[in-house]
């Protein structure tokens, strides 16, 4: 499970991660509480999943200016 904290564009990030499907890695939002989004992933290496999520968000047009944190929960 990975935890993403982001005060803005939560719907955008949710859609971005839930449609991500490369190299067999997928994400599914399981909870949202305030700024905290919780996603489960289908790979066992959650550190790798967190890195993939962060890189995917940063690669978007708004990712470089969007404030967010990704951690393993």
PDB file of N, CA and C in Angstrom:
ATOM      1  N   UNK A   1       0.851  -1.162   0.000  1.00  0.00           N
ATOM      2  CA  UNK A   1       0.000   0.000   0.000  1.00  0.00           C
ATOM      3  C   UNK A   1       0.900   1.230   0.000  1.00  0.00           C
ATOM      4  N   UNK A   2       0.550   2.211  -0.828  1.00  0.00           N
ATOM      5  CA  UNK A   2       1.286   3.468  -0.831  1.00  0.00           C
ATOM      6  C   UNK A   2       0.339   4.594  -0.424  1.00  0.00           C
ATOM      7  N   UNK A   3       0.911   5.594   0.212  1.00  0.00           N
ATOM      8  CA  UNK A   3       0.142   6.743   0.684  1.00  0.00           C
ATOM      9  C   UNK A   3       0.656   7.977  -0.036  1.00  0.00           C
ATOM     10  N   UNK A   4      -0.275   8.729  -0.574  1.00  0.00           N
ATOM     11  CA  UNK A   4       0.055   9.932  -1.308  1.00  0.00           C
ATOM     12  C   UNK A   4      -0.646  11.105  -0.638  1.00  0.00           C
ATOM     13  N   UNK A   5       0.119  12.092  -0.229  1.00  0.00           N
ATOM     14  CA  UNK A   5      -0.447  13.308   0.357  1.00  0.00           C
ATOM     15  C   UNK A   5      -0.357  14.419  -0.670  1.00  0.00           C
ATOM     16  N   UNK A   6      -1.501  15.000  -0.987  1.00  0.00           N
ATOM     17  CA  UNK A   6      -1.535  16.055  -1.987  1.00  0.00           C
ATOM     18  C   UNK A   6      -2.749  16.951  -1.718  1.00  0.00           C
ATOM     19  N   UNK A   7      -2.532  18.243  -1.531  1.00  0.00           N
ATOM     20  CA  UNK A   7      -3.659  19.127  -1.234  1.00  0.00           C
ATOM     21  C   UNK A   7      -4.504  19.490  -2.463  1.00  0.00           C
ATOM     22  N   UNK A   8      -3.935  19.342  -3.662  1.00  0.00           N
ATOM     23  CA  UNK A   8      -4.646  19.746  -4.880  1.00  0.00           C
ATOM     24  C   UNK A   8      -4.586  18.642  -5.926  1.00  0.00           C
ATOM     25  N   UNK A   9      -5.533  18.676  -6.862  1.00  0.00           N
ATOM     26  CA  UNK A   9      -5.560  17.780  -8.026  1.00  0.00           C
ATOM     27  C   UNK A   9      -5.627  16.303  -7.636  1.00  0.00           C
ATOM     28  N   UNK A  10      -6.335  15.988  -6.563  1.00  0.00           N
ATOM     29  CA  UNK A  10      -6.444  14.591  -6.118  1.00  0.00           C
ATOM     30  C   UNK A  10      -7.185  13.732  -7.139  1.00  0.00           C
ATOM     31  N   UNK A  11      -8.226  14.269  -7.768  1.00  0.00           N
ATOM     32  CA  UNK A  11      -8.947  13.508  -8.790  1.00  0.00           C
ATOM     33  C   UNK A  11      -8.055  13.229  -9.996  1.00  0.00           C
ATOM     34  N   UNK A  12      -7.272  14.208 -10.372  1.00  0.00           N
ATOM     35  CA  UNK A  12      -6.335  14.067 -11.492  1.00  0.00           C
ATOM     36  C   UNK A  12      -5.317  12.963 -11.205  1.00  0.00           C
ATOM     37  N   UNK A  13      -4.748  12.991 -10.011  1.00  0.00           N
ATOM     38  CA  UNK A  13      -3.752  11.989  -9.619  1.00  0.00           C
ATOM     39  C   UNK A  13      -4.379  10.604  -9.518  1.00  0.00           C
ATOM     40  N   UNK A  14      -5.582  10.535  -8.967  1.00  0.00           N
ATOM     41  CA  UNK A  14      -6.270   9.246  -8.861  1.00  0.00           C
ATOM     42  C   UNK A  14      -6.479   8.639 -10.237  1.00  0.00           C
ATOM     43  N   UNK A  15      -6.974   9.424 -11.174  1.00  0.00           N
ATOM     44  CA  UNK A  15      -7.195   8.922 -12.534  1.00  0.00           C
ATOM     45  C   UNK A  15      -5.876   8.519 -13.193  1.00  0.00           C
ATOM     46  N   UNK A  16      -4.854   9.333 -12.994  1.00  0.00           N
ATOM     47  CA  UNK A  16      -3.550   9.050 -13.577  1.00  0.00           C
ATOM     48  C   UNK A  16      -3.007   7.706 -13.092  1.00  0.00           C
ATOM     49  N   UNK A  17      -3.055   7.485 -11.790  1.00  0.00           N
ATOM     50  CA  UNK A  17      -2.500   6.244 -11.246  1.00  0.00           C
ATOM     51  C   UNK A  17      -3.391   5.031 -11.527  1.00  0.00           C
ATOM     52  N   UNK A  18      -4.695   5.214 -11.477  1.00  0.00           N
ATOM     53  CA  UNK A  18      -5.579   4.068 -11.715  1.00  0.00           C
ATOM     54  C   UNK A  18      -5.566   3.621 -13.178  1.00  0.00           C
ATOM     55  N   UNK A  19      -5.161   4.490 -14.093  1.00  0.00           N
ATOM     56  CA  UNK A  19      -5.060   4.093 -15.499  1.00  0.00           C
ATOM     57  C   UNK A  19      -3.640   3.659 -15.864  1.00  0.00           C
ATOM     58  N   UNK A  20      -2.710   3.767 -14.927  1.00  0.00           N
ATOM     59  CA  UNK A  20      -1.332   3.349 -15.164  1.00  0.00           C
ATOM     60  C   UNK A  20      -1.289   1.824 -15.250  1.00  0.00           C
ATOM     61  N   UNK A  21      -0.655   1.306 -16.285  1.00  0.00           N
ATOM     62  CA  UNK A  21      -0.503  -0.148 -16.430  1.00  0.00           C
ATOM     63  C   UNK A  21       0.694  -0.418 -17.338  1.00  0.00           C
ATOM     64  N   UNK A  22       1.868  -0.310 -16.758  1.00  0.00           N
ATOM     65  CA  UNK A  22       3.104  -0.580 -17.497  1.00  0.00           C
ATOM     66  C   UNK A  22       3.897  -1.617 -16.723  1.00  0.00           C
ATOM     67  N   UNK A  23       4.505  -2.520 -17.457  1.00  0.00           N
ATOM     68  CA  UNK A  23       5.327  -3.576 -16.867  1.00  0.00           C
ATOM     69  C   UNK A  23       4.557  -4.361 -15.803  1.00  0.00           C
ATOM     70  N   UNK A  24       3.247  -4.445 -15.961  1.00  0.00           N
ATOM     71  CA  UNK A  24       2.433  -5.213 -15.032  1.00  0.00           C
ATOM     72  C   UNK A  24       2.145  -4.538 -13.709  1.00  0.00           C
ATOM     73  N   UNK A  25       2.481  -3.271 -13.572  1.00  0.00           N
ATOM     74  CA  UNK A  25       2.243  -2.538 -12.321  1.00  0.00           C
ATOM     75  C   UNK A  25       0.931  -1.779 -12.436  1.00  0.00           C
ATOM     76  N   UNK A  26       0.060  -1.961 -11.445  1.00  0.00           N
ATOM     77  CA  UNK A  26      -1.212  -1.235 -11.422  1.00  0.00           C
ATOM     78  C   UNK A  26      -1.451  -0.657 -10.031  1.00  0.00           C
ATOM     79  N   UNK A  27      -2.292   0.372  -9.982  1.00  0.00           N
ATOM     80  CA  UNK A  27      -2.657   1.027  -8.725  1.00  0.00           C
ATOM     81  C   UNK A  27      -4.180   1.091  -8.629  1.00  0.00           C
ATOM     82  N   UNK A  28      -4.685   1.003  -7.405  1.00  0.00           N
ATOM     83  CA  UNK A  28      -6.124   1.142  -7.167  1.00  0.00           C
ATOM     84  C   UNK A  28      -6.323   1.913  -5.872  1.00  0.00           C
ATOM     85  N   UNK A  29      -7.074   3.014  -5.965  1.00  0.00           N
ATOM     86  CA  UNK A  29      -7.334   3.816  -4.763  1.00  0.00           C
ATOM     87  C   UNK A  29      -8.283   3.045  -3.852  1.00  0.00           C
ATOM     88  N   UNK A  30      -7.902   2.937  -2.592  1.00  0.00           N
ATOM     89  CA  UNK A  30      -8.752   2.227  -1.640  1.00  0.00           C
ATOM     90  C   UNK A  30      -9.309   3.146  -0.559  1.00  0.00           C
ATOM     91  N   UNK A  31      -8.715   4.324  -0.409  1.00  0.00           N
ATOM     92  CA  UNK A  31      -9.226   5.251   0.604  1.00  0.00           C
ATOM     93  C   UNK A  31      -8.783   6.677   0.285  1.00  0.00           C
ATOM     94  N   UNK A  32      -9.604   7.623   0.739  1.00  0.00           N
ATOM     95  CA  UNK A  32      -9.268   9.043   0.631  1.00  0.00           C
ATOM     96  C   UNK A  32      -9.772   9.723   1.891  1.00  0.00           C
ATOM     97  N   UNK A  33      -8.865  10.396   2.561  1.00  0.00           N
ATOM     98  CA  UNK A  33      -9.236  11.108   3.781  1.00  0.00           C
ATOM     99  C   UNK A  33      -8.497  12.444   3.779  1.00  0.00           C
ATOM    100  N   UNK A  34      -9.221  13.497   3.487  1.00  0.00           N
ATOM    101  CA  UNK A  34      -8.603  14.811   3.385  1.00  0.00           C
ATOM    102  C   UNK A  34      -7.597  14.829   2.243  1.00  0.00           C
ATOM    103  N   UNK A  35      -6.340  15.178   2.568  1.00  0.00           N
ATOM    104  CA  UNK A  35      -5.275  15.226   1.565  1.00  0.00           C
ATOM    105  C   UNK A  35      -4.647  13.855   1.324  1.00  0.00           C
ATOM    106  N   UNK A  36      -4.999  12.883   2.114  1.00  0.00           N
ATOM    107  CA  UNK A  36      -4.351  11.571   2.081  1.00  0.00           C
ATOM    108  C   UNK A  36      -5.092  10.595   1.163  1.00  0.00           C
ATOM    109  N   UNK A  37      -4.385  10.132   0.140  1.00  0.00           N
ATOM    110  CA  UNK A  37      -4.907   9.116  -0.775  1.00  0.00           C
ATOM    111  C   UNK A  37      -4.146   7.821  -0.514  1.00  0.00           C
ATOM    112  N   UNK A  38      -4.861   6.730  -0.384  1.00  0.00           N
ATOM    113  CA  UNK A  38      -4.230   5.436  -0.156  1.00  0.00           C
ATOM    114  C   UNK A  38      -4.499   4.545  -1.358  1.00  0.00           C
ATOM    115  N   UNK A  39      -3.426   3.987  -1.901  1.00  0.00           N
ATOM    116  CA  UNK A  39      -3.517   3.116  -3.063  1.00  0.00           C
ATOM    117  C   UNK A  39      -2.926   1.764  -2.732  1.00  0.00           C
ATOM    118  N   UNK A  40      -3.538   0.726  -3.278  1.00  0.00           N
ATOM    119  CA  UNK A  40      -2.897  -0.578  -3.218  1.00  0.00           C
ATOM    120  C   UNK A  40      -2.311  -0.848  -4.592  1.00  0.00           C
ATOM    121  N   UNK A  41      -1.292  -1.676  -4.607  1.00  0.00           N
ATOM    122  CA  UNK A  41      -0.609  -2.010  -5.849  1.00  0.00           C
ATOM    123  C   UNK A  41      -0.465  -3.521  -5.951  1.00  0.00           C
ATOM    124  N   UNK A  42      -0.257  -3.992  -7.155  1.00  0.00           N
ATOM    125  CA  UNK A  42      -0.187  -5.429  -7.357  1.00  0.00           C
ATOM    126  C   UNK A  42       1.228  -5.993  -7.262  1.00  0.00           C
ATOM    127  N   UNK A  43       2.228  -5.147  -6.991  1.00  0.00           N
ATOM    128  CA  UNK A  43       3.593  -5.667  -6.851  1.00  0.00           C
ATOM    129  C   UNK A  43       3.975  -5.678  -5.374  1.00  0.00           C
ATOM    130  N   UNK A  44       4.842  -6.597  -5.020  1.00  0.00           N
ATOM    131  CA  UNK A  44       5.233  -6.747  -3.622  1.00  0.00           C
ATOM    132  C   UNK A  44       6.193  -5.662  -3.164  1.00  0.00           C
ATOM    133  N   UNK A  45       7.032  -5.169  -4.064  1.00  0.00           N
ATOM    134  CA  UNK A  45       8.013  -4.141  -3.713  1.00  0.00           C
ATOM    135  C   UNK A  45       7.322  -2.773  -3.665  1.00  0.00           C
ATOM    136  N   UNK A  46       6.825  -2.418  -2.489  1.00  0.00           N
ATOM    137  CA  UNK A  46       6.068  -1.168  -2.360  1.00  0.00           C
ATOM    138  C   UNK A  46       6.948   0.060  -2.525  1.00  0.00           C
ATOM    139  N   UNK A  47       8.228  -0.043  -2.197  1.00  0.00           N
ATOM    140  CA  UNK A  47       9.154   1.080  -2.428  1.00  0.00           C
ATOM    141  C   UNK A  47       9.243   1.374  -3.928  1.00  0.00           C
ATOM    142  N   UNK A  48       9.315   0.319  -4.727  1.00  0.00           N
ATOM    143  CA  UNK A  48       9.351   0.484  -6.181  1.00  0.00           C
ATOM    144  C   UNK A  48       8.043   1.089  -6.676  1.00  0.00           C
ATOM    145  N   UNK A  49       6.923   0.640  -6.126  1.00  0.00           N
ATOM    146  CA  UNK A  49       5.619   1.180  -6.512  1.00  0.00           C
ATOM    147  C   UNK A  49       5.533   2.668  -6.181  1.00  0.00           C
ATOM    148  N   UNK A  50       6.026   3.058  -5.006  1.00  0.00           N
ATOM    149  CA  UNK A  50       6.018   4.476  -4.614  1.00  0.00           C
ATOM    150  C   UNK A  50       6.876   5.295  -5.561  1.00  0.00           C
ATOM    151  N   UNK A  51       8.014   4.756  -5.952  1.00  0.00           N
ATOM    152  CA  UNK A  51       8.906   5.456  -6.890  1.00  0.00           C
ATOM    153  C   UNK A  51       8.237   5.611  -8.250  1.00  0.00           C
ATOM    154  N   UNK A  52       7.577   4.562  -8.716  1.00  0.00           N
ATOM    155  CA  UNK A  52       6.869   4.620  -9.999  1.00  0.00           C
ATOM    156  C   UNK A  52       5.761   5.672  -9.953  1.00  0.00           C
ATOM    157  N   UNK A  53       4.996   5.691  -8.861  1.00  0.00           N
ATOM    158  CA  UNK A  53       3.912   6.670  -8.714  1.00  0.00           C
ATOM    159  C   UNK A  53       4.470   8.094  -8.749  1.00  0.00           C
ATOM    160  N   UNK A  54       5.536   8.332  -8.010  1.00  0.00           N
ATOM    161  CA  UNK A  54       6.137   9.668  -7.963  1.00  0.00           C
ATOM    162  C   UNK A  54       6.650  10.089  -9.337  1.00  0.00           C
ATOM    163  N   UNK A  55       7.350   9.189 -10.020  1.00  0.00           N
ATOM    164  CA  UNK A  55       7.879   9.508 -11.351  1.00  0.00           C
ATOM    165  C   UNK A  55       6.761   9.739 -12.360  1.00  0.00           C
ATOM    166  N   UNK A  56       5.681   8.978 -12.243  1.00  0.00           N
ATOM    167  CA  UNK A  56       4.542   9.134 -13.154  1.00  0.00           C
ATOM    168  C   UNK A  56       3.889  10.496 -12.970  1.00  0.00           C
ATOM    169  N   UNK A  57       3.708  10.915 -11.735  1.00  0.00           N
ATOM    170  CA  UNK A  57       3.098  12.218 -11.459  1.00  0.00           C
ATOM    171  C   UNK A  57       4.024  13.339 -11.927  1.00  0.00           C
ATOM    172  N   UNK A  58       5.317  13.236 -11.611  1.00  0.00           N
ATOM    173  CA  UNK A  58       6.270  14.283 -12.008  1.00  0.00           C
ATOM    174  C   UNK A  58       6.395  14.415 -13.523  1.00  0.00           C
ATOM    175  N   UNK A  59       6.115  13.343 -14.268  1.00  0.00           N
ATOM    176  CA  UNK A  59       6.236  13.376 -15.728  1.00  0.00           C
ATOM    177  C   UNK A  59       5.084  14.103 -16.405  1.00  0.00           C
ATOM    178  N   UNK A  60       4.033  14.437 -15.670  1.00  0.00           N
ATOM    179  CA  UNK A  60       2.899  15.137 -16.270  1.00  0.00           C
ATOM    180  C   UNK A  60       3.214  16.629 -16.399  1.00  0.00           C
ATOM    181  N   UNK A  61       2.348  17.319 -17.126  1.00  0.00           N
ATOM    182  CA  UNK A  61       2.559  18.754 -17.344  1.00  0.00           C
ATOM    183  C   UNK A  61       2.477  19.572 -16.059  1.00  0.00           C
ATOM    184  N   UNK A  62       1.742  19.114 -15.061  1.00  0.00           N
ATOM    185  CA  UNK A  62       1.642  19.863 -13.805  1.00  0.00           C
ATOM    186  C   UNK A  62       2.466  19.227 -12.685  1.00  0.00           C
ATOM    187  N   UNK A  63       3.020  18.073 -12.936  1.00  0.00           N
ATOM    188  CA  UNK A  63       3.742  17.338 -11.897  1.00  0.00           C
ATOM    189  C   UNK A  63       4.945  18.054 -11.332  1.00  0.00           C
ATOM    190  N   UNK A  64       5.614  18.844 -12.142  1.00  0.00           N
ATOM    191  CA  UNK A  64       6.818  19.527 -11.671  1.00  0.00           C
ATOM    192  C   UNK A  64       6.514  20.682 -10.717  1.00  0.00           C
ATOM    193  N   UNK A  65       5.287  21.186 -10.726  1.00  0.00           N
ATOM    194  CA  UNK A  65       4.926  22.296  -9.830  1.00  0.00           C
ATOM    195  C   UNK A  65       3.929  21.884  -8.754  1.00  0.00           C
ATOM    196  N   UNK A  66       3.490  20.645  -8.793  1.00  0.00           N
ATOM    197  CA  UNK A  66       2.501  20.143  -7.852  1.00  0.00           C
ATOM    198  C   UNK A  66       3.199  19.677  -6.574  1.00  0.00           C
ATOM    199  N   UNK A  67       2.687  20.120  -5.429  1.00  0.00           N
ATOM    200  CA  UNK A  67       3.257  19.673  -4.159  1.00  0.00           C
ATOM    201  C   UNK A  67       2.581  18.377  -3.751  1.00  0.00           C
ATOM    202  N   UNK A  68       3.377  17.330  -3.538  1.00  0.00           N
ATOM    203  CA  UNK A  68       2.846  16.054  -3.090  1.00  0.00           C
ATOM    204  C   UNK A  68       3.956  15.233  -2.450  1.00  0.00           C
ATOM    205  N   UNK A  69       3.560  14.251  -1.666  1.00  0.00           N
ATOM    206  CA  UNK A  69       4.497  13.315  -1.035  1.00  0.00           C
ATOM    207  C   UNK A  69       3.971  11.906  -1.248  1.00  0.00           C
ATOM    208  N   UNK A  70       4.875  10.988  -1.522  1.00  0.00           N
ATOM    209  CA  UNK A  70       4.518   9.588  -1.681  1.00  0.00           C
ATOM    210  C   UNK A  70       5.331   8.776  -0.675  1.00  0.00           C
ATOM    211  N   UNK A  71       4.649   7.914   0.062  1.00  0.00           N
ATOM    212  CA  UNK A  71       5.330   7.064   1.026  1.00  0.00           C
ATOM    213  C   UNK A  71       4.697   5.678   1.047  1.00  0.00           C
ATOM    214  N   UNK A  72       5.374   4.768   1.699  1.00  0.00           N
ATOM    215  CA  UNK A  72       4.882   3.406   1.831  1.00  0.00           C
ATOM    216  C   UNK A  72       4.172   3.304   3.172  1.00  0.00           C
ATOM    217  N   UNK A  73       2.987   2.679   3.150  1.00  0.00           N
ATOM    218  CA  UNK A  73       2.217   2.599   4.383  1.00  0.00           C
ATOM    219  C   UNK A  73       1.980   1.256   4.840  1.00  0.00           C
TER     220      UNK A  73
END
